[in-house]
Amino acid sequence: MIPGPTPVHPRILNNLSNPTISHVSSTFVTEFREALSNVKEIVYCKKGEPFIVAGAGTLAMEMALLNTVDKAERILVLSQGFFGQRMAQIAEAFGLSYDIIECEWGKAVLPEELEKSLSETKYEVVVSTHVDTCTGGCAPVKDYAEVMKNHDLIYIIDGVCATGGIEERMDDWGVDVILTAAQKCFGAPPGLAILIVSEKGMEKRKVLKAIPAFYSDLLRWLPIMKDPSKYFSTPCVNEIRAFCESTKIVIEEGMEKRFSRHAFMAKAIRAALTELGFSFFTEESFLADTLSVVNYPEGIEDKSFRNLYFENGVVVAGGLGETAGRVFRIGHMGNISVSQVYFAIEALERTLSSLGHKFDPGSGLKAAKAILEE
C-alpha cells in the first residue's frame, strides 16, 4: 500500500512473464503501437506525440525540460513539495534559468500566485507537479491552465502520481507536456518514462538548435514512436508489453469510472483512518485521490508502527524530507481492489491493538464499508 509501485494486476504480471521477444517483431511492434495510442486516450490527447522510454519518472521530468527550454529562456516551477523541488534541481543541473514558487508542504500553489508571477516576469515554460508523492498535495492544474491561456508559453504537468487516476485533459486544458511513469496509477512495474507532447510542444523542440542530451532527445525517439519497428536504442520489451496491458485495463474500466473509483477509495480509507484516531498532513482542500499522508496519533512511533504493520501483511511508506518520522504515506491508486482496502484496514486495527492504541474494534472497517458499499 505504498504510493508506488502499486499492486500489479495478475493480467499485467502474466504479460510481464512472457518470454522476451525481438524488439522489432510484429508482436512487439503491435503492442508498442497500442500502448502509445492508449496513453494518448487516457490523457484526452488527439494530436500530440506519445513517448515511452526505458527509465524512471525522473528521466521523464528531465526529458520534458530539456526538449522545451532554450538556454536563454526562463522556467517557472510551481512546487507542491519534494518533487517540485526536484524539477528545480534538474533545471539547475543543466544550467537552465528558473524561478520557483513554493507552497507550504501539504498545500498547493494557488492560481493567483501564478497569475502574479506571469504578470511580473517573462517565462517561456511553466511546470507543475499535479500530485506531490511526498506531501499529498494535489495542485489545481486545470485552474493553472486557465491562467496561462492569456500567455504564450509551454505548460508541463508532472503527472507521475496522478495520470490514469485523476483527470488530466491535455487538449481541452491546453497542456503541452504530461510526463508520467508506469508504476503508480497504471499499476505496472516501474521502469518506464512516459511523455505525451502536444503539437506546440513538438514544434518548440524542433526550433531549438540543440539540446544537452542524446538519449533524452525527443527527436531521436520520434521516428521509433511513429514506427516501433525502427531502431534507436533497445526498448525494454517485457516492460512495454506489460504496460500495454495496464493501459487496456484503464480503458476497459472507463476514465470517468476510474476517476470516481479513486475518489471513493480515498474517501473510504480516510474515513477509516479518522475513525481510528489518525489525522492528515495535507490540508483538506488539497487532498489527492491517489495517496494519503497521515499524521500519527499521540503515542504511536513511526518505525515501530510501520514494522508491525508490515508483520501484519501491509507495507506503507515513511515520510520524506521534513516529514520523515512524522507521517506515513499510504497509496490508494492504480488497480487496487476493495478487498485489498479491507485487508489493509483490518491489519491496521490489529497493529494498533498490539501497540496499545485505544479505539472501538471494527470501527475503521465499518467506516470504510459505509462508503464503499453505498
Protein backbone atom coordinates (compact mmCIF):
# COMPACT_ATOMS: atom_id res chain seq x y z
CA MET A 1 0.00 0.00 0.00
CA ILE A 2 2.89 2.38 -0.70
CA PRO A 3 2.30 5.26 -3.14
CA GLY A 4 4.10 3.42 -5.93
CA PRO A 5 4.99 0.89 -7.07
CA THR A 6 1.38 -0.13 -6.61
CA PRO A 7 -0.04 -3.67 -6.63
CA VAL A 8 0.27 -5.29 -10.07
CA HIS A 9 -2.83 -6.93 -11.51
CA PRO A 10 -2.46 -10.63 -12.48
CA ARG A 11 -3.18 -9.76 -16.12
CA ILE A 12 -0.18 -7.44 -16.13
CA LEU A 13 2.03 -9.94 -14.31
CA ASN A 14 1.07 -12.64 -16.80
CA ASN A 15 2.02 -10.37 -19.68
CA LEU A 16 5.30 -9.44 -17.97
CA SER A 17 6.18 -13.14 -17.60
CA ASN A 18 6.07 -13.81 -21.34
CA PRO A 19 9.41 -14.80 -22.92
CA THR A 20 11.45 -11.86 -24.15
CA ILE A 21 10.94 -11.46 -27.88
CA SER A 22 12.64 -9.39 -30.55
CA HIS A 23 12.14 -5.65 -30.21
CA VAL A 24 11.34 -5.49 -33.93
CA SER A 25 9.00 -8.48 -34.03
CA SER A 26 5.48 -7.91 -35.30
CA THR A 27 4.02 -8.94 -31.94
CA PHE A 28 6.02 -6.37 -30.00
CA VAL A 29 5.55 -3.63 -32.58
CA THR A 30 1.77 -4.12 -32.44
CA GLU A 31 1.70 -3.93 -28.63
CA PHE A 32 4.04 -0.92 -28.55
CA ARG A 33 1.76 0.90 -31.00
CA GLU A 34 -1.26 0.05 -28.86
CA ALA A 35 0.39 1.30 -25.69
CA LEU A 36 1.28 4.58 -27.41
CA SER A 37 -2.26 5.03 -28.69
CA ASN A 38 -3.84 4.13 -25.35
CA VAL A 39 -1.77 6.53 -23.30
CA LYS A 40 -2.93 9.39 -25.52
CA GLU A 41 -6.54 8.37 -24.96
CA ILE A 42 -6.01 8.28 -21.19
CA VAL A 43 -4.93 11.96 -21.13
CA TYR A 44 -7.53 13.03 -23.71
CA CYS A 45 -4.98 13.92 -26.39
CA LYS A 46 -5.76 13.52 -30.10
CA LYS A 47 -2.93 15.19 -31.98
CA GLY A 48 0.09 15.04 -29.66
CA GLU A 49 3.03 12.66 -29.74
CA PRO A 50 3.43 9.95 -27.07
CA PHE A 51 6.82 8.67 -25.94
CA ILE A 52 7.56 5.54 -23.90
CA VAL A 53 11.22 5.14 -22.99
CA ALA A 54 13.16 2.89 -20.61
CA GLY A 55 13.80 4.89 -17.46
CA ALA A 56 12.22 6.24 -14.29
CA GLY A 57 9.78 9.10 -13.89
CA THR A 58 12.76 11.31 -13.10
CA LEU A 59 14.01 10.73 -16.65
CA ALA A 60 10.63 11.90 -17.95
CA MET A 61 11.00 15.07 -15.87
CA GLU A 62 14.44 15.66 -17.37
CA MET A 63 13.24 14.99 -20.92
CA ALA A 64 10.32 17.38 -20.52
CA LEU A 65 12.60 20.27 -19.60
CA LEU A 66 15.49 19.59 -21.98
CA ASN A 67 13.21 19.37 -25.02
CA THR A 68 11.24 22.58 -24.37
CA VAL A 69 13.66 25.08 -22.84
CA ASP A 70 16.41 27.06 -24.53
CA LYS A 71 19.41 28.25 -22.53
CA ALA A 72 18.27 31.84 -22.96
CA GLU A 73 14.77 31.14 -21.63
CA ARG A 74 13.33 31.04 -18.14
CA ILE A 75 11.23 28.39 -16.37
CA LEU A 76 8.66 28.91 -13.63
CA VAL A 77 8.36 25.88 -11.33
CA LEU A 78 5.20 25.53 -9.24
CA SER A 79 6.28 23.32 -6.37
CA GLN A 80 3.87 21.42 -4.14
CA GLY A 81 6.77 19.82 -2.25
CA PHE A 82 9.63 17.39 -2.65
CA PHE A 83 9.17 16.60 -6.34
CA GLY A 84 8.61 20.19 -7.38
CA GLN A 85 11.97 20.89 -5.81
CA ARG A 86 13.41 18.02 -7.84
CA MET A 87 12.25 19.70 -11.05
CA ALA A 88 14.15 22.81 -9.97
CA GLN A 89 17.21 20.68 -9.23
CA ILE A 90 17.07 19.22 -12.77
CA ALA A 91 16.90 22.71 -14.26
CA GLU A 92 19.86 23.76 -12.14
CA ALA A 93 21.89 20.68 -13.14
CA PHE A 94 21.64 21.69 -16.81
CA GLY A 95 22.23 25.39 -16.22
CA LEU A 96 18.66 26.38 -17.09
CA SER A 97 17.30 29.57 -15.59
CA TYR A 98 14.29 29.21 -13.33
CA ASP A 99 12.21 30.72 -10.59
CA ILE A 100 10.23 28.64 -8.15
CA ILE A 101 7.00 29.29 -6.27
CA GLU A 102 6.94 27.04 -3.22
CA CYS A 103 3.91 26.50 -1.05
CA GLU A 104 3.77 25.26 2.50
CA TRP A 105 4.03 21.45 2.41
CA GLY A 106 0.59 19.90 2.49
CA LYS A 107 -0.90 22.69 0.39
CA ALA A 108 -0.59 23.74 -3.28
CA VAL A 109 0.41 26.87 -5.15
CA LEU A 110 -2.66 28.99 -5.82
CA PRO A 111 -3.65 30.18 -9.33
CA GLU A 112 -3.46 33.79 -8.10
CA GLU A 113 0.21 33.29 -7.27
CA LEU A 114 0.84 32.01 -10.79
CA GLU A 115 -1.04 34.97 -12.30
CA LYS A 116 1.03 37.42 -10.27
CA SER A 117 4.33 35.85 -11.35
CA LEU A 118 3.34 35.78 -15.02
CA SER A 119 2.37 39.46 -14.86
CA GLU A 120 5.74 40.41 -13.42
CA THR A 121 8.23 38.21 -15.32
CA LYS A 122 8.52 36.73 -18.80
CA TYR A 123 8.56 32.93 -18.71
CA GLU A 124 8.70 30.56 -21.66
CA VAL A 125 7.87 27.41 -19.69
CA VAL A 126 5.72 26.72 -16.62
CA VAL A 127 5.93 23.32 -14.93
CA SER A 128 3.80 21.98 -12.09
CA THR A 129 3.59 18.76 -10.14
CA HIS A 130 -0.02 17.53 -10.24
CA VAL A 131 0.23 15.43 -7.07
CA ASP A 132 3.34 15.53 -4.90
CA THR A 133 4.01 11.99 -3.69
CA CYS A 134 5.75 13.33 -0.61
CA THR A 135 3.18 15.83 0.67
CA GLY A 136 -0.07 14.51 -0.84
CA GLY A 137 -0.79 17.98 -2.19
CA CYS A 138 -2.95 17.96 -5.33
CA ALA A 139 -2.47 21.10 -7.41
CA PRO A 140 -5.30 22.87 -9.26
CA VAL A 141 -3.66 22.17 -12.63
CA LYS A 142 -6.83 22.93 -14.59
CA ASP A 143 -7.03 26.36 -12.95
CA TYR A 144 -3.38 26.97 -13.81
CA ALA A 145 -4.24 26.22 -17.43
CA GLU A 146 -6.97 28.88 -17.38
CA VAL A 147 -4.46 31.44 -16.12
CA MET A 148 -1.98 30.53 -18.86
CA LYS A 149 -4.44 30.84 -21.75
CA ASN A 150 -3.52 34.53 -21.98
CA HIS A 151 0.22 33.79 -22.14
CA ASP A 152 2.34 32.29 -24.92
CA LEU A 153 4.28 29.58 -23.11
CA ILE A 154 4.77 25.85 -22.72
CA TYR A 155 2.78 24.20 -19.91
CA ILE A 156 4.21 21.00 -18.42
CA ILE A 157 2.41 18.80 -15.88
CA ASP A 158 4.28 16.21 -13.83
CA GLY A 159 1.56 13.56 -13.62
CA VAL A 160 3.62 10.74 -12.10
CA CYS A 161 1.26 10.36 -9.12
CA ALA A 162 -1.91 11.37 -11.00
CA THR A 163 -2.07 10.25 -14.63
CA GLY A 164 -4.64 7.50 -15.04
CA GLY A 165 -6.17 8.10 -11.63
CA ILE A 166 -7.04 11.81 -11.57
CA GLU A 167 -8.47 13.69 -14.52
CA GLU A 168 -5.98 15.28 -16.93
CA ARG A 169 -7.44 16.64 -20.19
CA MET A 170 -4.49 17.63 -22.29
CA ASP A 171 -6.23 19.07 -25.35
CA ASP A 172 -9.14 20.74 -23.55
CA TRP A 173 -6.94 22.42 -20.97
CA GLY A 174 -4.12 23.42 -23.31
CA VAL A 175 -1.37 21.34 -21.67
CA ASP A 176 1.79 20.90 -23.76
CA VAL A 177 3.53 18.07 -21.91
CA ILE A 178 2.26 15.47 -19.49
CA LEU A 179 5.02 13.35 -18.06
CA THR A 180 4.39 10.24 -16.01
CA ALA A 181 5.62 6.76 -15.12
CA ALA A 182 4.26 3.22 -15.21
CA GLN A 183 4.25 2.19 -11.55
CA LYS A 184 1.61 4.34 -9.90
CA CYS A 185 -1.91 4.83 -11.32
CA PHE A 186 -1.19 2.48 -14.22
CA GLY A 187 -0.28 -0.30 -11.79
CA ALA A 188 2.55 -1.64 -13.95
CA PRO A 189 6.08 -2.42 -12.71
CA PRO A 190 8.49 0.55 -12.57
CA GLY A 191 10.94 1.16 -15.39
CA LEU A 192 9.25 3.38 -17.98
CA ALA A 193 9.44 7.12 -18.55
CA ILE A 194 6.31 8.30 -20.37
CA LEU A 195 5.59 11.64 -22.02
CA ILE A 196 2.76 12.96 -24.15
CA VAL A 197 3.75 16.11 -26.03
CA SER A 198 1.38 18.47 -27.83
CA GLU A 199 1.90 19.73 -31.37
CA LYS A 200 3.02 23.04 -29.88
CA GLY A 201 5.47 21.22 -27.63
CA MET A 202 6.95 19.29 -30.55
CA GLU A 203 7.27 22.49 -32.59
CA LYS A 204 9.18 24.02 -29.69
CA ARG A 205 11.62 21.12 -29.71
CA LYS A 206 12.14 21.46 -33.45
CA VAL A 207 13.05 25.16 -33.27
CA LEU A 208 15.67 24.58 -30.57
CA LYS A 209 19.05 24.39 -32.29
CA ALA A 210 20.44 21.75 -29.94
CA ILE A 211 19.79 20.34 -26.51
CA PRO A 212 22.27 18.95 -23.95
CA ALA A 213 21.05 15.38 -24.39
CA PHE A 214 21.40 12.32 -26.59
CA TYR A 215 19.22 9.54 -25.13
CA SER A 216 16.74 12.15 -23.83
CA ASP A 217 16.26 13.90 -27.17
CA LEU A 218 12.67 13.53 -28.34
CA LEU A 219 13.68 13.97 -31.96
CA ARG A 220 15.86 10.85 -31.77
CA TRP A 221 12.93 8.89 -30.36
CA LEU A 222 10.22 10.32 -32.62
CA PRO A 223 10.86 8.02 -35.61
CA ILE A 224 10.57 5.00 -33.29
CA MET A 225 7.30 6.21 -31.81
CA LYS A 226 5.98 6.70 -35.34
CA ASP A 227 7.17 3.22 -36.34
CA PRO A 228 8.29 0.97 -33.44
CA SER A 229 9.93 -1.45 -35.88
CA LYS A 230 12.72 1.11 -36.30
CA TYR A 231 15.76 1.19 -34.01
CA PHE A 232 17.40 3.88 -31.92
CA SER A 233 18.03 2.22 -28.56
CA THR A 234 16.74 -1.18 -27.45
CA PRO A 235 13.37 -0.79 -25.73
CA CYS A 236 12.59 -2.80 -22.58
CA VAL A 237 10.36 -5.29 -24.34
CA ASN A 238 8.72 -7.01 -21.39
CA GLU A 239 8.05 -3.78 -19.54
CA ILE A 240 6.36 -2.20 -22.54
CA ARG A 241 4.23 -5.30 -23.17
CA ALA A 242 3.15 -5.24 -19.50
CA PHE A 243 2.45 -1.52 -19.69
CA CYS A 244 0.32 -2.08 -22.79
CA GLU A 245 -1.80 -4.50 -20.77
CA SER A 246 -2.11 -1.94 -17.97
CA THR A 247 -3.41 0.68 -20.39
CA LYS A 248 -6.00 -1.80 -21.65
CA ILE A 249 -7.24 -2.27 -18.09
CA VAL A 250 -7.53 1.50 -17.63
CA ILE A 251 -9.52 1.97 -20.84
CA GLU A 252 -11.73 -1.05 -20.21
CA GLU A 253 -12.73 0.40 -16.85
CA GLY A 254 -13.53 3.76 -18.46
CA MET A 255 -11.86 7.00 -17.49
CA GLU A 256 -14.77 8.59 -15.63
CA LYS A 257 -15.40 5.39 -13.66
CA ARG A 258 -11.72 5.09 -12.86
CA PHE A 259 -11.52 8.67 -11.58
CA SER A 260 -14.64 8.05 -9.47
CA ARG A 261 -13.24 4.80 -8.05
CA HIS A 262 -10.05 6.54 -7.00
CA ALA A 263 -12.10 9.22 -5.25
CA PHE A 264 -14.20 6.65 -3.37
CA MET A 265 -11.16 4.59 -2.35
CA ALA A 266 -9.53 7.72 -0.95
CA LYS A 267 -12.67 8.72 0.90
CA ALA A 268 -13.13 5.25 2.41
CA ILE A 269 -9.54 4.88 3.59
CA ARG A 270 -9.56 8.36 5.12
CA ALA A 271 -12.85 7.65 6.87
CA ALA A 272 -11.32 4.54 8.42
CA LEU A 273 -8.14 6.35 9.45
CA THR A 274 -10.10 9.22 11.00
CA GLU A 275 -12.28 6.79 12.94
CA LEU A 276 -9.14 5.14 14.32
CA GLY A 277 -7.68 8.42 15.57
CA PHE A 278 -5.39 9.49 12.73
CA SER A 279 -5.31 12.90 11.05
CA PHE A 280 -3.86 14.10 7.74
CA PHE A 281 -0.77 16.10 6.91
CA THR A 282 -2.34 17.53 3.75
CA GLU A 283 -4.82 20.38 4.05
CA GLU A 284 -8.32 19.14 3.21
CA SER A 285 -8.83 21.30 0.12
CA PHE A 286 -5.66 19.89 -1.46
CA LEU A 287 -6.11 16.18 -0.67
CA ALA A 288 -5.24 13.89 -3.59
CA ASP A 289 -7.29 10.86 -4.60
CA THR A 290 -4.16 8.79 -5.13
CA LEU A 291 -2.48 8.78 -1.71
CA SER A 292 -2.83 9.98 1.87
CA VAL A 293 -0.09 11.40 4.06
CA VAL A 294 -1.09 10.50 7.60
CA ASN A 295 -0.18 12.05 10.96
CA TYR A 296 0.25 9.64 13.86
CA PRO A 297 -1.94 9.77 16.95
CA GLU A 298 -0.16 10.58 20.19
CA GLY A 299 1.84 7.61 21.44
CA ILE A 300 2.38 5.91 18.05
CA GLU A 301 6.01 5.84 16.89
CA ASP A 302 6.78 5.73 13.17
CA LYS A 303 9.20 2.81 12.78
CA SER A 304 7.50 0.62 15.37
CA PHE A 305 4.17 1.18 13.66
CA ARG A 306 5.39 0.51 10.14
CA ASN A 307 7.39 -2.56 11.18
CA LEU A 308 4.41 -4.09 12.97
CA TYR A 309 2.04 -3.16 10.13
CA PHE A 310 4.44 -4.99 7.80
CA GLU A 311 4.33 -8.07 10.06
CA ASN A 312 0.54 -7.91 9.75
CA GLY A 313 0.83 -8.00 5.96
CA VAL A 314 0.80 -4.38 4.82
CA VAL A 315 3.64 -2.15 3.64
CA VAL A 316 3.24 1.63 3.85
CA ALA A 317 5.87 4.30 3.18
CA GLY A 318 7.53 6.64 5.62
CA GLY A 319 7.77 10.39 5.23
CA LEU A 320 10.33 12.15 3.03
CA GLY A 321 12.37 15.24 3.81
CA GLU A 322 10.93 17.28 6.64
CA THR A 323 8.08 14.77 7.17
CA ALA A 324 10.41 11.82 7.90
CA GLY A 325 9.43 10.12 11.14
CA ARG A 326 6.30 12.24 11.49
CA VAL A 327 3.94 10.62 8.99
CA PHE A 328 3.31 7.52 6.96
CA ARG A 329 2.14 7.52 3.34
CA ILE A 330 -0.49 5.10 2.11
CA GLY A 331 -1.29 4.70 -1.57
CA HIS A 332 -4.80 4.11 -2.89
CA MET A 333 -4.31 4.20 -6.62
CA GLY A 334 -3.95 2.02 -9.68
CA ASN A 335 -5.76 -1.30 -9.77
CA ILE A 336 -6.16 -1.66 -6.01
CA SER A 337 -9.28 -3.63 -5.09
CA VAL A 338 -11.91 -3.22 -2.39
CA SER A 339 -10.75 -6.47 -0.80
CA GLN A 340 -7.20 -5.11 -0.57
CA VAL A 341 -8.51 -1.99 1.13
CA TYR A 342 -10.46 -4.05 3.65
CA PHE A 343 -7.42 -6.25 4.31
CA ALA A 344 -5.27 -3.16 4.94
CA ILE A 345 -7.79 -1.70 7.41
CA GLU A 346 -8.19 -4.99 9.30
CA ALA A 347 -4.40 -5.28 9.53
CA LEU A 348 -4.24 -1.67 10.70
CA GLU A 349 -6.65 -2.41 13.54
CA ARG A 350 -4.57 -5.44 14.59
CA THR A 351 -1.44 -3.30 14.52
CA LEU A 352 -2.98 -0.57 16.65
CA SER A 353 -4.27 -3.11 19.16
CA SER A 354 -0.77 -4.54 19.54
CA LEU A 355 0.60 -1.05 20.14
CA GLY A 356 -1.94 -0.38 22.88
CA HIS A 357 -3.84 2.28 20.96
CA LYS A 358 -7.41 2.75 22.21
CA PHE A 359 -10.21 2.54 19.64
CA ASP A 360 -13.51 0.80 19.05
CA PRO A 361 -12.61 -2.55 17.41
CA GLY A 362 -14.07 -2.88 13.93
CA SER A 363 -14.90 0.83 13.69
CA GLY A 364 -12.34 1.53 10.96
CA LEU A 365 -13.59 -1.24 8.73
CA LYS A 366 -17.19 -0.20 9.35
CA ALA A 367 -16.42 3.39 8.32
CA ALA A 368 -14.82 2.25 5.06
CA LYS A 369 -17.61 -0.15 4.23
CA ALA A 370 -20.21 2.57 4.75
CA ILE A 371 -18.67 4.40 1.80
CA LEU A 372 -17.61 1.55 -0.50
CA GLU A 373 -20.85 -0.41 -0.12
CA GLU A 374 -23.19 2.53 -0.70
